[in-house]
Amino acid sequence: PAALLAGPTRGLADLYVALTRATRS
């Protein structure tokens, strides 16, 4: 997950999206 914040992305917004895709696990 640290790579999402360090890379050429939208930072915390991308981390939020990645963390909220799971419905069970």
PDB file of all heavy atoms in Angstrom:
ATOM      1  N   PRO A   1       0.799  -1.223   0.000  1.00  0.00           N
ATOM      2  CA  PRO A   1       0.000   0.000   0.000  1.00  0.00           C
ATOM      3  C   PRO A   1       0.837   1.280   0.000  1.00  0.00           C
ATOM      4  O   PRO A   1       0.399   2.299  -0.540  1.00  0.00           O
ATOM      5  CB  PRO A   1      -0.851  -0.110   1.264  1.00  0.00           C
ATOM      6  CG  PRO A   1      -0.163  -1.105   2.116  1.00  0.00           C
ATOM      7  CD  PRO A   1       0.544  -2.035   1.186  1.00  0.00           C
ATOM      8  N   ALA A   2       2.045   1.237   0.539  1.00  0.00           N
ATOM      9  CA  ALA A   2       2.896   2.438   0.546  1.00  0.00           C
ATOM     10  C   ALA A   2       3.249   2.857  -0.880  1.00  0.00           C
ATOM     11  O   ALA A   2       3.449   4.044  -1.154  1.00  0.00           O
ATOM     12  CB  ALA A   2       4.159   2.195   1.357  1.00  0.00           C
ATOM     13  N   ALA A   3       3.301   1.908  -1.804  1.00  0.00           N
ATOM     14  CA  ALA A   3       3.627   2.231  -3.192  1.00  0.00           C
ATOM     15  C   ALA A   3       2.532   3.086  -3.835  1.00  0.00           C
ATOM     16  O   ALA A   3       2.820   3.892  -4.716  1.00  0.00           O
ATOM     17  CB  ALA A   3       3.832   0.949  -3.994  1.00  0.00           C
ATOM     18  N   LEU A   4       1.299   2.924  -3.383  1.00  0.00           N
ATOM     19  CA  LEU A   4       0.218   3.774  -3.902  1.00  0.00           C
ATOM     20  C   LEU A   4       0.433   5.234  -3.532  1.00  0.00           C
ATOM     21  O   LEU A   4       0.106   6.129  -4.304  1.00  0.00           O
ATOM     22  CB  LEU A   4      -1.139   3.318  -3.363  1.00  0.00           C
ATOM     23  CG  LEU A   4      -1.722   2.060  -3.963  1.00  0.00           C
ATOM     24  CD1 LEU A   4      -3.008   1.678  -3.231  1.00  0.00           C
ATOM     25  CD2 LEU A   4      -1.983   2.238  -5.437  1.00  0.00           C
ATOM     26  N   LEU A   5       0.964   5.449  -2.354  1.00  0.00           N
ATOM     27  CA  LEU A   5       1.198   6.819  -1.902  1.00  0.00           C
ATOM     28  C   LEU A   5       2.471   7.402  -2.509  1.00  0.00           C
ATOM     29  O   LEU A   5       2.569   8.616  -2.699  1.00  0.00           O
ATOM     30  CB  LEU A   5       1.283   6.871  -0.377  1.00  0.00           C
ATOM     31  CG  LEU A   5       0.027   6.417   0.368  1.00  0.00           C
ATOM     32  CD1 LEU A   5       0.258   6.483   1.868  1.00  0.00           C
ATOM     33  CD2 LEU A   5      -1.169   7.252  -0.028  1.00  0.00           C
ATOM     34  N   ALA A   6       3.438   6.556  -2.830  1.00  0.00           N
ATOM     35  CA  ALA A   6       4.724   7.031  -3.347  1.00  0.00           C
ATOM     36  C   ALA A   6       4.726   7.174  -4.860  1.00  0.00           C
ATOM     37  O   ALA A   6       5.532   7.918  -5.406  1.00  0.00           O
ATOM     38  CB  ALA A   6       5.833   6.077  -2.923  1.00  0.00           C
ATOM     39  N   GLY A   7       3.855   6.461  -5.538  1.00  0.00           N
ATOM     40  CA  GLY A   7       3.862   6.453  -7.001  1.00  0.00           C
ATOM     41  C   GLY A   7       3.105   7.622  -7.600  1.00  0.00           C
ATOM     42  O   GLY A   7       2.568   8.476  -6.890  1.00  0.00           O
ATOM     43  N   PRO A   8       3.067   7.635  -8.929  1.00  0.00           N
ATOM     44  CA  PRO A   8       2.385   8.724  -9.642  1.00  0.00           C
ATOM     45  C   PRO A   8       0.873   8.486  -9.712  1.00  0.00           C
ATOM     46  O   PRO A   8       0.309   8.302 -10.779  1.00  0.00           O
ATOM     47  CB  PRO A   8       3.034   8.672 -11.025  1.00  0.00           C
ATOM     48  CG  PRO A   8       3.346   7.221 -11.201  1.00  0.00           C
ATOM     49  CD  PRO A   8       3.715   6.716  -9.835  1.00  0.00           C
ATOM     50  N   THR A   9       0.254   8.442  -8.555  1.00  0.00           N
ATOM     51  CA  THR A   9      -1.182   8.176  -8.477  1.00  0.00           C
ATOM     52  C   THR A   9      -1.874   9.319  -7.759  1.00  0.00           C
ATOM     53  O   THR A   9      -1.277  10.348  -7.486  1.00  0.00           O
ATOM     54  CB  THR A   9      -1.447   6.854  -7.722  1.00  0.00           C
ATOM     55  OG1 THR A   9      -1.015   7.015  -6.366  1.00  0.00           O
ATOM     56  CG2 THR A   9      -0.723   5.678  -8.360  1.00  0.00           C
ATOM     57  N   ARG A  10      -3.107   9.067  -7.376  1.00  0.00           N
ATOM     58  CA  ARG A  10      -3.878  10.078  -6.646  1.00  0.00           C
ATOM     59  C   ARG A  10      -3.718   9.923  -5.138  1.00  0.00           C
ATOM     60  O   ARG A  10      -4.522  10.399  -4.363  1.00  0.00           O
ATOM     61  CB  ARG A  10      -5.350   9.973  -7.041  1.00  0.00           C
ATOM     62  CG  ARG A  10      -5.575  10.264  -8.501  1.00  0.00           C
ATOM     63  CD  ARG A  10      -7.015  10.069  -8.945  1.00  0.00           C
ATOM     64  NE  ARG A  10      -7.715   9.103  -8.129  1.00  0.00           N
ATOM     65  CZ  ARG A  10      -8.945   9.292  -7.636  1.00  0.00           C
ATOM     66  NH1 ARG A  10      -9.598  10.390  -7.889  1.00  0.00           N
ATOM     67  NH2 ARG A  10      -9.520   8.357  -6.914  1.00  0.00           N
ATOM     68  N   GLY A  11      -2.679   9.225  -4.715  1.00  0.00           N
ATOM     69  CA  GLY A  11      -2.319   9.136  -3.312  1.00  0.00           C
ATOM     70  C   GLY A  11      -3.375   8.518  -2.421  1.00  0.00           C
ATOM     71  O   GLY A  11      -3.802   7.395  -2.633  1.00  0.00           O
ATOM     72  N   LEU A  12      -3.791   9.276  -1.403  1.00  0.00           N
ATOM     73  CA  LEU A  12      -4.752   8.755  -0.430  1.00  0.00           C
ATOM     74  C   LEU A  12      -6.078   8.354  -1.065  1.00  0.00           C
ATOM     75  O   LEU A  12      -6.718   7.405  -0.612  1.00  0.00           O
ATOM     76  CB  LEU A  12      -5.001   9.787   0.674  1.00  0.00           C
ATOM     77  CG  LEU A  12      -3.895   9.918   1.706  1.00  0.00           C
ATOM     78  CD1 LEU A  12      -4.200  11.079   2.661  1.00  0.00           C
ATOM     79  CD2 LEU A  12      -3.687   8.640   2.479  1.00  0.00           C
ATOM     80  N   ALA A  13      -6.479   9.033  -2.115  1.00  0.00           N
ATOM     81  CA  ALA A  13      -7.731   8.666  -2.795  1.00  0.00           C
ATOM     82  C   ALA A  13      -7.625   7.266  -3.391  1.00  0.00           C
ATOM     83  O   ALA A  13      -8.555   6.459  -3.273  1.00  0.00           O
ATOM     84  CB  ALA A  13      -8.074   9.686  -3.872  1.00  0.00           C
ATOM     85  N   ASP A  14      -6.488   6.941  -4.004  1.00  0.00           N
ATOM     86  CA  ASP A  14      -6.298   5.597  -4.555  1.00  0.00           C
ATOM     87  C   ASP A  14      -6.197   4.554  -3.446  1.00  0.00           C
ATOM     88  O   ASP A  14      -6.711   3.445  -3.583  1.00  0.00           O
ATOM     89  CB  ASP A  14      -5.051   5.544  -5.427  1.00  0.00           C
ATOM     90  CG  ASP A  14      -5.287   6.102  -6.818  1.00  0.00           C
ATOM     91  OD1 ASP A  14      -6.458   6.357  -7.171  1.00  0.00           O
ATOM     92  OD2 ASP A  14      -4.309   6.284  -7.560  1.00  0.00           O
ATOM     93  N   LEU A  15      -5.543   4.890  -2.356  1.00  0.00           N
ATOM     94  CA  LEU A  15      -5.455   3.960  -1.234  1.00  0.00           C
ATOM     95  C   LEU A  15      -6.850   3.677  -0.686  1.00  0.00           C
ATOM     96  O   LEU A  15      -7.199   2.526  -0.399  1.00  0.00           O
ATOM     97  CB  LEU A  15      -4.545   4.526  -0.139  1.00  0.00           C
ATOM     98  CG  LEU A  15      -4.323   3.621   1.064  1.00  0.00           C
ATOM     99  CD1 LEU A  15      -3.734   2.279   0.665  1.00  0.00           C
ATOM    100  CD2 LEU A  15      -3.433   4.317   2.082  1.00  0.00           C
ATOM    101  N   TYR A  16      -7.672   4.693  -0.574  1.00  0.00           N
ATOM    102  CA  TYR A  16      -9.053   4.510  -0.118  1.00  0.00           C
ATOM    103  C   TYR A  16      -9.821   3.567  -1.047  1.00  0.00           C
ATOM    104  O   TYR A  16     -10.493   2.647  -0.589  1.00  0.00           O
ATOM    105  CB  TYR A  16      -9.768   5.860  -0.030  1.00  0.00           C
ATOM    106  CG  TYR A  16     -11.235   5.717   0.282  1.00  0.00           C
ATOM    107  CD1 TYR A  16     -11.662   5.526   1.593  1.00  0.00           C
ATOM    108  CD2 TYR A  16     -12.193   5.748  -0.732  1.00  0.00           C
ATOM    109  CE1 TYR A  16     -13.006   5.374   1.880  1.00  0.00           C
ATOM    110  CE2 TYR A  16     -13.531   5.597  -0.451  1.00  0.00           C
ATOM    111  CZ  TYR A  16     -13.937   5.409   0.854  1.00  0.00           C
ATOM    112  OH  TYR A  16     -15.269   5.245   1.145  1.00  0.00           O
ATOM    113  N   VAL A  17      -9.696   3.784  -2.345  1.00  0.00           N
ATOM    114  CA  VAL A  17     -10.382   2.913  -3.309  1.00  0.00           C
ATOM    115  C   VAL A  17      -9.908   1.479  -3.138  1.00  0.00           C
ATOM    116  O   VAL A  17     -10.713   0.547  -3.067  1.00  0.00           O
ATOM    117  CB  VAL A  17     -10.152   3.398  -4.763  1.00  0.00           C
ATOM    118  CG1 VAL A  17     -10.634   2.366  -5.772  1.00  0.00           C
ATOM    119  CG2 VAL A  17     -10.861   4.730  -4.992  1.00  0.00           C
ATOM    120  N   ALA A  18      -8.605   1.274  -3.044  1.00  0.00           N
ATOM    121  CA  ALA A  18      -8.059  -0.076  -2.903  1.00  0.00           C
ATOM    122  C   ALA A  18      -8.565  -0.766  -1.631  1.00  0.00           C
ATOM    123  O   ALA A  18      -8.881  -1.955  -1.647  1.00  0.00           O
ATOM    124  CB  ALA A  18      -6.534  -0.022  -2.898  1.00  0.00           C
ATOM    125  N   LEU A  19      -8.661  -0.005  -0.559  1.00  0.00           N
ATOM    126  CA  LEU A  19      -9.078  -0.592   0.725  1.00  0.00           C
ATOM    127  C   LEU A  19     -10.579  -0.865   0.807  1.00  0.00           C
ATOM    128  O   LEU A  19     -11.010  -1.624   1.666  1.00  0.00           O
ATOM    129  CB  LEU A  19      -8.677   0.349   1.871  1.00  0.00           C
ATOM    130  CG  LEU A  19      -7.190   0.478   2.132  1.00  0.00           C
ATOM    131  CD1 LEU A  19      -6.927   1.617   3.106  1.00  0.00           C
ATOM    132  CD2 LEU A  19      -6.624  -0.834   2.662  1.00  0.00           C
ATOM    133  N   THR A  20     -11.353  -0.273  -0.057  1.00  0.00           N
ATOM    134  CA  THR A  20     -12.811  -0.398   0.063  1.00  0.00           C
ATOM    135  C   THR A  20     -13.440  -1.255  -1.033  1.00  0.00           C
ATOM    136  O   THR A  20     -14.651  -1.215  -1.209  1.00  0.00           O
ATOM    137  CB  THR A  20     -13.470   0.994   0.070  1.00  0.00           C
ATOM    138  OG1 THR A  20     -13.125   1.689  -1.128  1.00  0.00           O
ATOM    139  CG2 THR A  20     -13.034   1.798   1.291  1.00  0.00           C
ATOM    140  N   ARG A  21     -12.654  -2.047  -1.749  1.00  0.00           N
ATOM    141  CA  ARG A  21     -13.206  -2.917  -2.795  1.00  0.00           C
ATOM    142  C   ARG A  21     -13.715  -4.242  -2.230  1.00  0.00           C
ATOM    143  O   ARG A  21     -14.518  -4.912  -2.842  1.00  0.00           O
ATOM    144  CB  ARG A  21     -12.169  -3.231  -3.888  1.00  0.00           C
ATOM    145  CG  ARG A  21     -11.602  -2.035  -4.638  1.00  0.00           C
ATOM    146  CD  ARG A  21     -12.646  -1.156  -5.296  1.00  0.00           C
ATOM    147  NE  ARG A  21     -13.067  -0.141  -4.357  1.00  0.00           N
ATOM    148  CZ  ARG A  21     -14.208   0.520  -4.424  1.00  0.00           C
ATOM    149  NH1 ARG A  21     -15.070   0.305  -5.370  1.00  0.00           N
ATOM    150  NH2 ARG A  21     -14.541   1.421  -3.517  1.00  0.00           N
ATOM    151  N   ALA A  22     -13.251  -4.639  -1.065  1.00  0.00           N
ATOM    152  CA  ALA A  22     -13.599  -5.949  -0.504  1.00  0.00           C
ATOM    153  C   ALA A  22     -14.941  -5.908   0.216  1.00  0.00           C
ATOM    154  O   ALA A  22     -15.217  -4.981   0.972  1.00  0.00           O
ATOM    155  CB  ALA A  22     -12.514  -6.401   0.468  1.00  0.00           C
ATOM    156  N   THR A  23     -15.758  -6.939  -0.026  1.00  0.00           N
ATOM    157  CA  THR A  23     -17.019  -7.042   0.697  1.00  0.00           C
ATOM    158  C   THR A  23     -16.923  -8.007   1.869  1.00  0.00           C
ATOM    159  O   THR A  23     -17.719  -7.930   2.793  1.00  0.00           O
ATOM    160  CB  THR A  23     -18.156  -7.504  -0.231  1.00  0.00           C
ATOM    161  OG1 THR A  23     -17.835  -8.784  -0.776  1.00  0.00           O
ATOM    162  CG2 THR A  23     -18.385  -6.493  -1.346  1.00  0.00           C
ATOM    163  N   ARG A  24     -15.966  -8.945   1.832  1.00  0.00           N
ATOM    164  CA  ARG A  24     -15.853  -9.935   2.905  1.00  0.00           C
ATOM    165  C   ARG A  24     -14.464 -10.006   3.535  1.00  0.00           C
ATOM    166  O   ARG A  24     -14.334 -10.182   4.728  1.00  0.00           O
ATOM    167  CB  ARG A  24     -16.216 -11.315   2.382  1.00  0.00           C
ATOM    168  CG  ARG A  24     -17.657 -11.422   1.983  1.00  0.00           C
ATOM    169  CD  ARG A  24     -17.945 -12.803   1.460  1.00  0.00           C
ATOM    170  NE  ARG A  24     -19.304 -12.852   0.968  1.00  0.00           N
ATOM    171  CZ  ARG A  24     -20.217 -13.678   1.417  1.00  0.00           C
ATOM    172  NH1 ARG A  24     -19.915 -14.533   2.370  1.00  0.00           N
ATOM    173  NH2 ARG A  24     -21.426 -13.661   0.907  1.00  0.00           N
ATOM    174  N   SER A  25     -13.420  -9.917   2.713  1.00  0.00           N
ATOM    175  CA  SER A  25     -12.079 -10.159   3.232  1.00  0.00           C
ATOM    176  C   SER A  25     -11.073  -9.223   2.564  1.00  0.00           C
ATOM    177  O   SER A  25     -11.009  -9.153   1.334  1.00  0.00           O
ATOM    178  CB  SER A  25     -11.685 -11.615   2.956  1.00  0.00           C
ATOM    179  OG  SER A  25     -10.335 -11.844   3.267  1.00  0.00           O
TER     180      SER A  25
END
